[in-house]
Amino acid sequence: MEERELAERAIRGDAEAFVRLMELHKAPLYRTAYAFLKSEHAAVEAVQEVTARAFKNIRRLKEPAYARTWLTRIMINYCQDELKKARREPVTDRMPESISKAGDDLLVLEEALLALPGPSRRLIHLKYFEDMKIKEIAEIEQVPEGTVKSRLHKSLRALRDFMNGKGGRAND
């Protein structure tokens, strides 16, 4: 069964279809949560909370074809709320051990991404780690597609400058 059909059935109240829809998107939602929260435990908790919120509000999903976008938006909102709550507590800026063993390149990339401001990091994550289309990102960010393209270009330039040793924090 395809994603759109699962979403349509879930909207009509089919709990099994909702579970299958969440299974389909669990990994990308986890990666998004981890990209924001930098903790395996917090990311798992975020997926659980977003699943509960999505189940409660599934009837608000207007276009079944955009279920992934809708779920990602819920996840981003949840993560941003959690980060606001945690501002008074330090955030762990390290990758899970299983990922960091993949090599120094990942550590350099992580450092470069952390040098970017949050909105730039979010755009790069959605585009290159979650493989979202510009149109989907524009919907999530609630900005025109051209704005997404120009911000992505600027973010990639800042990332490239950092990787080439120019360093410094990129401004958004």
N, C-alpha and C. Protein backbone atom coordinates (compact mmCIF):
# COMPACT_ATOMS: atom_id res chain seq x y z
N MET A 1 0.85 -1.18 0.00
CA MET A 1 0.00 0.00 0.00
C MET A 1 0.90 1.24 0.00
N GLU A 2 0.56 2.21 -0.81
CA GLU A 2 1.41 3.40 -0.91
C GLU A 2 1.10 4.41 0.19
N GLU A 3 2.02 5.34 0.36
CA GLU A 3 1.94 6.33 1.43
C GLU A 3 0.65 7.12 1.41
N ARG A 4 0.26 7.58 0.26
CA ARG A 4 -0.95 8.40 0.16
C ARG A 4 -2.18 7.63 0.63
N GLU A 5 -2.28 6.37 0.22
CA GLU A 5 -3.44 5.56 0.62
C GLU A 5 -3.43 5.33 2.13
N LEU A 6 -2.25 5.08 2.68
CA LEU A 6 -2.14 4.92 4.14
C LEU A 6 -2.61 6.18 4.85
N ALA A 7 -2.18 7.32 4.36
CA ALA A 7 -2.57 8.60 4.97
C ALA A 7 -4.08 8.81 4.87
N GLU A 8 -4.65 8.50 3.72
CA GLU A 8 -6.10 8.66 3.55
C GLU A 8 -6.86 7.78 4.53
N ARG A 9 -6.41 6.53 4.66
CA ARG A 9 -7.07 5.61 5.58
C ARG A 9 -6.89 6.06 7.03
N ALA A 10 -5.72 6.56 7.36
CA ALA A 10 -5.46 7.04 8.72
C ALA A 10 -6.35 8.23 9.05
N ILE A 11 -6.53 9.13 8.11
CA ILE A 11 -7.39 10.28 8.31
C ILE A 11 -8.83 9.84 8.59
N ARG A 12 -9.24 8.76 7.94
CA ARG A 12 -10.60 8.22 8.15
C ARG A 12 -10.72 7.43 9.45
N GLY A 13 -9.62 7.30 10.20
CA GLY A 13 -9.69 6.65 11.50
C GLY A 13 -9.12 5.24 11.55
N ASP A 14 -8.46 4.79 10.51
CA ASP A 14 -7.87 3.46 10.49
C ASP A 14 -6.55 3.49 11.27
N ALA A 15 -6.57 2.94 12.49
CA ALA A 15 -5.40 2.98 13.37
C ALA A 15 -4.25 2.15 12.79
N GLU A 16 -4.55 1.03 12.15
CA GLU A 16 -3.50 0.19 11.56
C GLU A 16 -2.78 0.95 10.45
N ALA A 17 -3.54 1.67 9.63
CA ALA A 17 -2.93 2.46 8.56
C ALA A 17 -2.04 3.56 9.16
N PHE A 18 -2.48 4.15 10.26
CA PHE A 18 -1.67 5.18 10.92
C PHE A 18 -0.35 4.59 11.40
N VAL A 19 -0.41 3.41 12.01
CA VAL A 19 0.81 2.76 12.51
C VAL A 19 1.76 2.48 11.35
N ARG A 20 1.23 1.98 10.24
CA ARG A 20 2.07 1.69 9.08
C ARG A 20 2.67 2.98 8.49
N LEU A 21 1.89 4.05 8.49
CA LEU A 21 2.39 5.34 8.02
C LEU A 21 3.55 5.83 8.90
N MET A 22 3.40 5.69 10.20
CA MET A 22 4.46 6.11 11.12
C MET A 22 5.70 5.23 10.96
N GLU A 23 5.51 3.94 10.74
CA GLU A 23 6.64 3.05 10.51
C GLU A 23 7.43 3.49 9.28
N LEU A 24 6.70 3.92 8.27
CA LEU A 24 7.31 4.37 7.02
C LEU A 24 8.20 5.59 7.25
N HIS A 25 7.81 6.44 8.19
CA HIS A 25 8.52 7.71 8.41
C HIS A 25 9.32 7.76 9.70
N LYS A 26 9.38 6.66 10.42
CA LYS A 26 10.06 6.64 11.71
C LYS A 26 11.54 7.01 11.60
N ALA A 27 12.25 6.42 10.67
CA ALA A 27 13.69 6.68 10.53
C ALA A 27 13.99 8.13 10.17
N PRO A 28 13.31 8.70 9.15
CA PRO A 28 13.59 10.11 8.84
C PRO A 28 13.20 11.05 9.99
N LEU A 29 12.13 10.72 10.70
CA LEU A 29 11.75 11.55 11.85
C LEU A 29 12.80 11.48 12.95
N TYR A 30 13.32 10.28 13.17
CA TYR A 30 14.38 10.12 14.17
C TYR A 30 15.61 10.94 13.78
N ARG A 31 16.01 10.86 12.51
CA ARG A 31 17.20 11.60 12.06
C ARG A 31 16.99 13.11 12.23
N THR A 32 15.78 13.57 11.93
CA THR A 32 15.49 14.99 12.09
C THR A 32 15.58 15.37 13.57
N ALA A 33 14.99 14.56 14.43
CA ALA A 33 15.03 14.84 15.87
C ALA A 33 16.46 14.83 16.37
N TYR A 34 17.26 13.86 15.93
CA TYR A 34 18.64 13.79 16.38
C TYR A 34 19.44 15.00 15.89
N ALA A 35 19.17 15.43 14.67
CA ALA A 35 19.88 16.60 14.12
C ALA A 35 19.64 17.84 14.99
N PHE A 36 18.46 17.94 15.56
CA PHE A 36 18.14 19.09 16.41
C PHE A 36 18.59 18.88 17.86
N LEU A 37 18.28 17.72 18.41
CA LEU A 37 18.41 17.51 19.84
C LEU A 37 19.75 16.92 20.27
N LYS A 38 20.50 16.34 19.34
CA LYS A 38 21.85 15.82 19.59
C LYS A 38 21.91 14.77 20.70
N SER A 39 20.86 14.00 20.85
CA SER A 39 20.83 12.96 21.87
C SER A 39 19.95 11.82 21.37
N GLU A 40 20.48 10.61 21.47
CA GLU A 40 19.71 9.45 21.03
C GLU A 40 18.43 9.32 21.84
N HIS A 41 18.55 9.47 23.16
CA HIS A 41 17.38 9.35 24.03
C HIS A 41 16.32 10.41 23.70
N ALA A 42 16.77 11.64 23.56
CA ALA A 42 15.84 12.73 23.25
C ALA A 42 15.18 12.53 21.89
N ALA A 43 15.93 11.99 20.93
CA ALA A 43 15.37 11.75 19.59
C ALA A 43 14.30 10.66 19.63
N VAL A 44 14.55 9.60 20.38
CA VAL A 44 13.55 8.53 20.52
C VAL A 44 12.30 9.08 21.20
N GLU A 45 12.51 9.87 22.25
CA GLU A 45 11.38 10.49 22.95
C GLU A 45 10.60 11.41 22.01
N ALA A 46 11.32 12.14 21.17
CA ALA A 46 10.66 13.05 20.22
C ALA A 46 9.79 12.27 19.24
N VAL A 47 10.30 11.15 18.74
CA VAL A 47 9.51 10.34 17.80
C VAL A 47 8.24 9.84 18.49
N GLN A 48 8.37 9.43 19.74
CA GLN A 48 7.19 8.97 20.47
C GLN A 48 6.18 10.09 20.66
N GLU A 49 6.65 11.26 21.04
CA GLU A 49 5.75 12.39 21.26
C GLU A 49 5.09 12.84 19.95
N VAL A 50 5.87 12.89 18.89
CA VAL A 50 5.32 13.30 17.59
C VAL A 50 4.30 12.27 17.10
N THR A 51 4.55 11.00 17.36
CA THR A 51 3.58 9.96 16.98
C THR A 51 2.27 10.20 17.71
N ALA A 52 2.34 10.49 18.99
CA ALA A 52 1.13 10.75 19.77
C ALA A 52 0.40 11.99 19.25
N ARG A 53 1.15 13.04 18.99
CA ARG A 53 0.54 14.28 18.49
C ARG A 53 -0.09 14.08 17.11
N ALA A 54 0.62 13.35 16.26
CA ALA A 54 0.09 13.10 14.92
C ALA A 54 -1.18 12.26 14.98
N PHE A 55 -1.19 11.25 15.84
CA PHE A 55 -2.38 10.40 15.97
C PHE A 55 -3.57 11.23 16.44
N LYS A 56 -3.32 12.10 17.40
CA LYS A 56 -4.39 12.95 17.94
C LYS A 56 -4.94 13.92 16.88
N ASN A 57 -4.05 14.37 15.98
CA ASN A 57 -4.43 15.42 15.02
C ASN A 57 -4.46 14.96 13.57
N ILE A 58 -4.47 13.66 13.31
CA ILE A 58 -4.39 13.16 11.94
C ILE A 58 -5.50 13.71 11.06
N ARG A 59 -6.63 14.00 11.62
CA ARG A 59 -7.74 14.53 10.80
C ARG A 59 -7.47 15.95 10.30
N ARG A 60 -6.44 16.59 10.86
CA ARG A 60 -6.06 17.94 10.40
C ARG A 60 -5.16 17.90 9.17
N LEU A 61 -4.70 16.72 8.81
CA LEU A 61 -3.88 16.57 7.60
C LEU A 61 -4.78 16.78 6.40
N LYS A 62 -4.58 17.92 5.73
CA LYS A 62 -5.48 18.28 4.63
C LYS A 62 -5.17 17.54 3.34
N GLU A 63 -3.90 17.32 3.07
CA GLU A 63 -3.50 16.67 1.81
C GLU A 63 -2.69 15.42 2.11
N PRO A 64 -3.28 14.25 1.94
CA PRO A 64 -2.59 12.99 2.25
C PRO A 64 -1.25 12.82 1.54
N ALA A 65 -1.09 13.41 0.38
CA ALA A 65 0.17 13.28 -0.35
C ALA A 65 1.33 13.95 0.39
N TYR A 66 1.02 14.85 1.30
CA TYR A 66 2.05 15.58 2.04
C TYR A 66 2.16 15.11 3.49
N ALA A 67 1.86 13.85 3.74
CA ALA A 67 1.95 13.31 5.11
C ALA A 67 3.35 13.47 5.67
N ARG A 68 4.37 13.17 4.86
CA ARG A 68 5.75 13.28 5.33
C ARG A 68 6.08 14.73 5.72
N THR A 69 5.67 15.65 4.90
CA THR A 69 5.92 17.07 5.18
C THR A 69 5.22 17.48 6.46
N TRP A 70 3.99 17.04 6.63
CA TRP A 70 3.20 17.36 7.82
C TRP A 70 3.87 16.80 9.08
N LEU A 71 4.30 15.56 9.02
CA LEU A 71 4.97 14.92 10.16
C LEU A 71 6.29 15.61 10.47
N THR A 72 7.03 15.98 9.44
CA THR A 72 8.31 16.65 9.64
C THR A 72 8.11 18.01 10.30
N ARG A 73 7.08 18.70 9.90
CA ARG A 73 6.77 20.01 10.50
C ARG A 73 6.44 19.85 11.99
N ILE A 74 5.67 18.82 12.32
CA ILE A 74 5.35 18.55 13.72
C ILE A 74 6.65 18.28 14.49
N MET A 75 7.54 17.49 13.89
CA MET A 75 8.81 17.15 14.54
C MET A 75 9.66 18.40 14.76
N ILE A 76 9.77 19.23 13.74
CA ILE A 76 10.59 20.45 13.87
C ILE A 76 10.02 21.35 14.96
N ASN A 77 8.70 21.52 14.98
CA ASN A 77 8.08 22.35 16.02
C ASN A 77 8.36 21.78 17.41
N TYR A 78 8.22 20.45 17.55
CA TYR A 78 8.48 19.81 18.83
C TYR A 78 9.94 20.04 19.26
N CYS A 79 10.86 19.82 18.34
CA CYS A 79 12.29 19.98 18.66
C CYS A 79 12.62 21.41 19.04
N GLN A 80 12.06 22.36 18.32
CA GLN A 80 12.32 23.76 18.66
C GLN A 80 11.77 24.09 20.04
N ASP A 81 10.60 23.56 20.38
CA ASP A 81 10.05 23.76 21.73
C ASP A 81 10.97 23.16 22.79
N GLU A 82 11.48 21.96 22.53
CA GLU A 82 12.38 21.29 23.47
C GLU A 82 13.68 22.08 23.64
N LEU A 83 14.20 22.60 22.54
CA LEU A 83 15.44 23.38 22.63
C LEU A 83 15.23 24.67 23.42
N LYS A 84 14.08 25.28 23.27
CA LYS A 84 13.78 26.49 24.06
C LYS A 84 13.75 26.14 25.55
N LYS A 85 13.13 25.01 25.89
CA LYS A 85 13.05 24.58 27.29
C LYS A 85 14.44 24.28 27.84
N ALA A 86 15.31 23.74 27.02
CA ALA A 86 16.62 23.27 27.48
C ALA A 86 17.71 24.33 27.40
N ARG A 87 17.39 25.54 27.02
CA ARG A 87 18.42 26.57 26.86
C ARG A 87 19.24 26.77 28.12
N ARG A 88 18.62 26.55 29.27
CA ARG A 88 19.35 26.73 30.52
C ARG A 88 20.21 25.53 30.86
N GLU A 89 20.05 24.42 30.09
CA GLU A 89 20.86 23.23 30.30
C GLU A 89 21.79 23.04 29.11
N PRO A 90 23.00 22.52 29.34
CA PRO A 90 23.91 22.29 28.20
C PRO A 90 23.38 21.17 27.30
N VAL A 91 23.61 21.31 26.00
CA VAL A 91 23.21 20.31 25.02
C VAL A 91 24.45 19.51 24.64
N THR A 92 24.32 18.20 24.56
CA THR A 92 25.43 17.35 24.16
C THR A 92 25.60 17.44 22.66
N ASP A 93 26.77 17.88 22.23
CA ASP A 93 27.03 18.06 20.81
C ASP A 93 27.89 16.91 20.27
N ARG A 94 27.47 15.69 20.49
CA ARG A 94 28.24 14.59 19.93
C ARG A 94 27.32 13.60 19.23
N MET A 95 27.90 12.94 18.25
CA MET A 95 27.15 11.97 17.47
C MET A 95 27.11 10.65 18.23
N PRO A 96 26.14 9.79 17.94
CA PRO A 96 26.15 8.47 18.56
C PRO A 96 27.45 7.75 18.21
N GLU A 97 27.92 6.93 19.11
CA GLU A 97 29.19 6.24 18.92
C GLU A 97 29.22 5.45 17.62
N SER A 98 28.11 4.82 17.27
CA SER A 98 28.07 4.00 16.06
C SER A 98 28.30 4.83 14.81
N ILE A 99 27.88 6.09 14.84
CA ILE A 99 28.08 6.95 13.68
C ILE A 99 29.50 7.52 13.67
N SER A 100 30.00 7.95 14.84
CA SER A 100 31.30 8.60 14.89
C SER A 100 32.43 7.66 14.49
N LYS A 101 32.23 6.35 14.61
CA LYS A 101 33.26 5.41 14.21
C LYS A 101 33.44 5.37 12.70
N ALA A 102 32.54 5.98 11.98
CA ALA A 102 32.61 5.95 10.52
C ALA A 102 33.80 6.75 9.98
N GLY A 103 34.39 7.60 10.81
CA GLY A 103 35.59 8.30 10.36
C GLY A 103 35.62 9.76 10.72
N ASP A 104 36.80 10.33 10.52
CA ASP A 104 37.00 11.73 10.85
C ASP A 104 36.20 12.66 9.95
N ASP A 105 35.91 12.23 8.73
CA ASP A 105 35.15 13.08 7.81
C ASP A 105 33.81 13.49 8.42
N LEU A 106 33.15 12.54 9.08
CA LEU A 106 31.87 12.85 9.71
C LEU A 106 32.04 13.87 10.82
N LEU A 107 33.13 13.77 11.58
CA LEU A 107 33.36 14.71 12.66
C LEU A 107 33.62 16.12 12.12
N VAL A 108 34.38 16.20 11.05
CA VAL A 108 34.64 17.50 10.42
C VAL A 108 33.34 18.08 9.88
N LEU A 109 32.53 17.23 9.23
CA LEU A 109 31.25 17.69 8.70
C LEU A 109 30.33 18.15 9.83
N GLU A 110 30.29 17.38 10.92
CA GLU A 110 29.45 17.76 12.05
C GLU A 110 29.90 19.11 12.62
N GLU A 111 31.21 19.30 12.74
CA GLU A 111 31.73 20.56 13.26
C GLU A 111 31.34 21.72 12.33
N ALA A 112 31.44 21.49 11.03
CA ALA A 112 31.07 22.52 10.06
C ALA A 112 29.58 22.84 10.15
N LEU A 113 28.76 21.81 10.28
CA LEU A 113 27.31 22.03 10.40
C LEU A 113 26.98 22.79 11.68
N LEU A 114 27.66 22.46 12.77
CA LEU A 114 27.41 23.15 14.03
C LEU A 114 27.83 24.62 13.98
N ALA A 115 28.74 24.95 13.06
CA ALA A 115 29.17 26.34 12.91
C ALA A 115 28.10 27.19 12.22
N LEU A 116 27.16 26.52 11.55
CA LEU A 116 26.08 27.24 10.88
C LEU A 116 24.99 27.62 11.87
N PRO A 117 24.27 28.69 11.61
CA PRO A 117 23.12 29.02 12.46
C PRO A 117 22.04 27.95 12.29
N GLY A 118 21.17 27.83 13.28
CA GLY A 118 20.11 26.83 13.28
C GLY A 118 19.29 26.75 12.01
N PRO A 119 18.79 27.87 11.48
CA PRO A 119 17.98 27.79 10.26
C PRO A 119 18.74 27.23 9.06
N SER A 120 20.01 27.58 8.94
CA SER A 120 20.82 27.05 7.83
C SER A 120 21.05 25.56 8.00
N ARG A 121 21.34 25.16 9.22
CA ARG A 121 21.56 23.74 9.53
C ARG A 121 20.29 22.94 9.21
N ARG A 122 19.14 23.50 9.54
CA ARG A 122 17.86 22.83 9.30
C ARG A 122 17.63 22.63 7.80
N LEU A 123 17.89 23.67 7.01
CA LEU A 123 17.71 23.56 5.55
C LEU A 123 18.61 22.48 4.96
N ILE A 124 19.87 22.47 5.37
CA ILE A 124 20.80 21.47 4.85
C ILE A 124 20.37 20.07 5.27
N HIS A 125 19.92 19.95 6.50
CA HIS A 125 19.46 18.64 6.97
C HIS A 125 18.27 18.14 6.13
N LEU A 126 17.29 19.00 5.94
CA LEU A 126 16.10 18.58 5.19
C LEU A 126 16.43 18.23 3.74
N LYS A 127 17.27 19.04 3.11
CA LYS A 127 17.59 18.83 1.70
C LYS A 127 18.52 17.64 1.48
N TYR A 128 19.58 17.55 2.24
CA TYR A 128 20.62 16.57 1.94
C TYR A 128 20.61 15.33 2.82
N PHE A 129 20.06 15.42 4.01
CA PHE A 129 20.01 14.24 4.86
C PHE A 129 18.65 13.56 4.79
N GLU A 130 17.60 14.34 4.55
CA GLU A 130 16.26 13.76 4.43
C GLU A 130 15.79 13.71 2.97
N ASP A 131 16.61 14.23 2.06
CA ASP A 131 16.35 14.17 0.63
C ASP A 131 14.99 14.76 0.24
N MET A 132 14.65 15.87 0.88
CA MET A 132 13.37 16.53 0.57
C MET A 132 13.54 17.45 -0.63
N LYS A 133 12.46 17.64 -1.33
CA LYS A 133 12.45 18.54 -2.47
C LYS A 133 12.30 19.98 -1.97
N ILE A 134 12.74 20.92 -2.80
CA ILE A 134 12.65 22.35 -2.46
C ILE A 134 11.20 22.72 -2.12
N LYS A 135 10.26 22.19 -2.89
CA LYS A 135 8.84 22.49 -2.66
C LYS A 135 8.40 22.04 -1.27
N GLU A 136 8.83 20.84 -0.85
CA GLU A 136 8.47 20.33 0.47
C GLU A 136 9.09 21.19 1.58
N ILE A 137 10.34 21.57 1.37
CA ILE A 137 11.02 22.40 2.36
C ILE A 137 10.33 23.76 2.46
N ALA A 138 9.93 24.31 1.34
CA ALA A 138 9.23 25.60 1.33
C ALA A 138 7.93 25.51 2.13
N GLU A 139 7.23 24.40 2.00
CA GLU A 139 6.00 24.22 2.77
C GLU A 139 6.29 24.11 4.26
N ILE A 140 7.31 23.36 4.61
CA ILE A 140 7.67 23.20 6.02
C ILE A 140 8.10 24.53 6.62
N GLU A 141 8.93 25.26 5.89
CA GLU A 141 9.46 26.54 6.37
C GLU A 141 8.48 27.70 6.19
N GLN A 142 7.45 27.45 5.42
CA GLN A 142 6.42 28.46 5.12
C GLN A 142 7.02 29.72 4.49
N VAL A 143 7.86 29.46 3.47
CA VAL A 143 8.46 30.53 2.68
C VAL A 143 8.40 30.13 1.20
N PRO A 144 8.56 31.08 0.28
CA PRO A 144 8.56 30.73 -1.14
C PRO A 144 9.74 29.83 -1.51
N GLU A 145 9.57 29.06 -2.58
CA GLU A 145 10.62 28.15 -3.04
C GLU A 145 11.91 28.91 -3.36
N GLY A 146 11.80 30.08 -3.97
CA GLY A 146 12.98 30.88 -4.29
C GLY A 146 13.78 31.26 -3.05
N THR A 147 13.08 31.52 -1.96
CA THR A 147 13.74 31.85 -0.70
C THR A 147 14.51 30.65 -0.18
N VAL A 148 13.91 29.47 -0.29
CA VAL A 148 14.60 28.25 0.13
C VAL A 148 15.87 28.06 -0.69
N LYS A 149 15.76 28.25 -2.00
CA LYS A 149 16.93 28.07 -2.88
C LYS A 149 18.05 29.04 -2.52
N SER A 150 17.70 30.31 -2.30
CA SER A 150 18.75 31.29 -1.99
C SER A 150 19.35 31.04 -0.62
N ARG A 151 18.54 30.64 0.36
CA ARG A 151 19.08 30.34 1.69
C ARG A 151 19.95 29.10 1.66
N LEU A 152 19.54 28.11 0.89
CA LEU A 152 20.35 26.90 0.75
C LEU A 152 21.69 27.23 0.12
N HIS A 153 21.65 28.05 -0.93
CA HIS A 153 22.88 28.46 -1.61
C HIS A 153 23.82 29.16 -0.62
N LYS A 154 23.28 30.08 0.13
CA LYS A 154 24.07 30.83 1.12
C LYS A 154 24.62 29.88 2.20
N SER A 155 23.80 28.95 2.64
CA SER A 155 24.23 27.99 3.67
C SER A 155 25.33 27.09 3.15
N LEU A 156 25.19 26.62 1.91
CA LEU A 156 26.22 25.76 1.32
C LEU A 156 27.53 26.52 1.13
N ARG A 157 27.43 27.79 0.76
CA ARG A 157 28.64 28.60 0.60
C ARG A 157 29.35 28.75 1.94
N ALA A 158 28.57 29.01 3.01
CA ALA A 158 29.15 29.14 4.34
C ALA A 158 29.78 27.82 4.79
N LEU A 159 29.11 26.73 4.48
CA LEU A 159 29.63 25.41 4.83
C LEU A 159 30.93 25.13 4.08
N ARG A 160 30.95 25.46 2.79
CA ARG A 160 32.15 25.28 1.97
C ARG A 160 33.29 26.13 2.50
N ASP A 161 33.01 27.39 2.85
CA ASP A 161 34.05 28.26 3.40
C ASP A 161 34.63 27.68 4.68
N PHE A 162 33.76 27.16 5.54
CA PHE A 162 34.23 26.57 6.79
C PHE A 162 35.12 25.36 6.49
N MET A 163 34.66 24.51 5.58
CA MET A 163 35.41 23.29 5.25
C MET A 163 36.76 23.62 4.60
N ASN A 164 36.83 24.75 3.92
CA ASN A 164 38.08 25.16 3.27
C ASN A 164 39.00 25.93 4.22
N GLY A 165 38.62 25.98 5.48
CA GLY A 165 39.51 26.57 6.47
C GLY A 165 39.30 28.04 6.74
N LYS A 166 38.28 28.64 6.13
CA LYS A 166 38.03 30.06 6.39
C LYS A 166 37.38 30.24 7.74
N GLY A 167 36.72 29.14 8.24
CA GLY A 167 36.17 29.09 9.60
C GLY A 167 35.21 30.19 9.92
N GLY A 168 35.12 30.50 11.18
CA GLY A 168 34.19 31.52 11.65
C GLY A 168 32.76 31.00 11.65
N ARG A 169 31.88 31.71 12.26
CA ARG A 169 30.48 31.32 12.27
C ARG A 169 29.79 31.96 11.07
N ALA A 170 28.99 31.19 10.42
CA ALA A 170 28.22 31.70 9.29
C ALA A 170 27.04 32.49 9.83
N ASN A 171 26.73 33.54 9.17
CA ASN A 171 25.56 34.35 9.57
C ASN A 171 24.41 34.06 8.65
N ASP A 172 23.21 34.10 9.23
CA ASP A 172 22.02 33.86 8.42
C ASP A 172 21.26 35.12 8.20
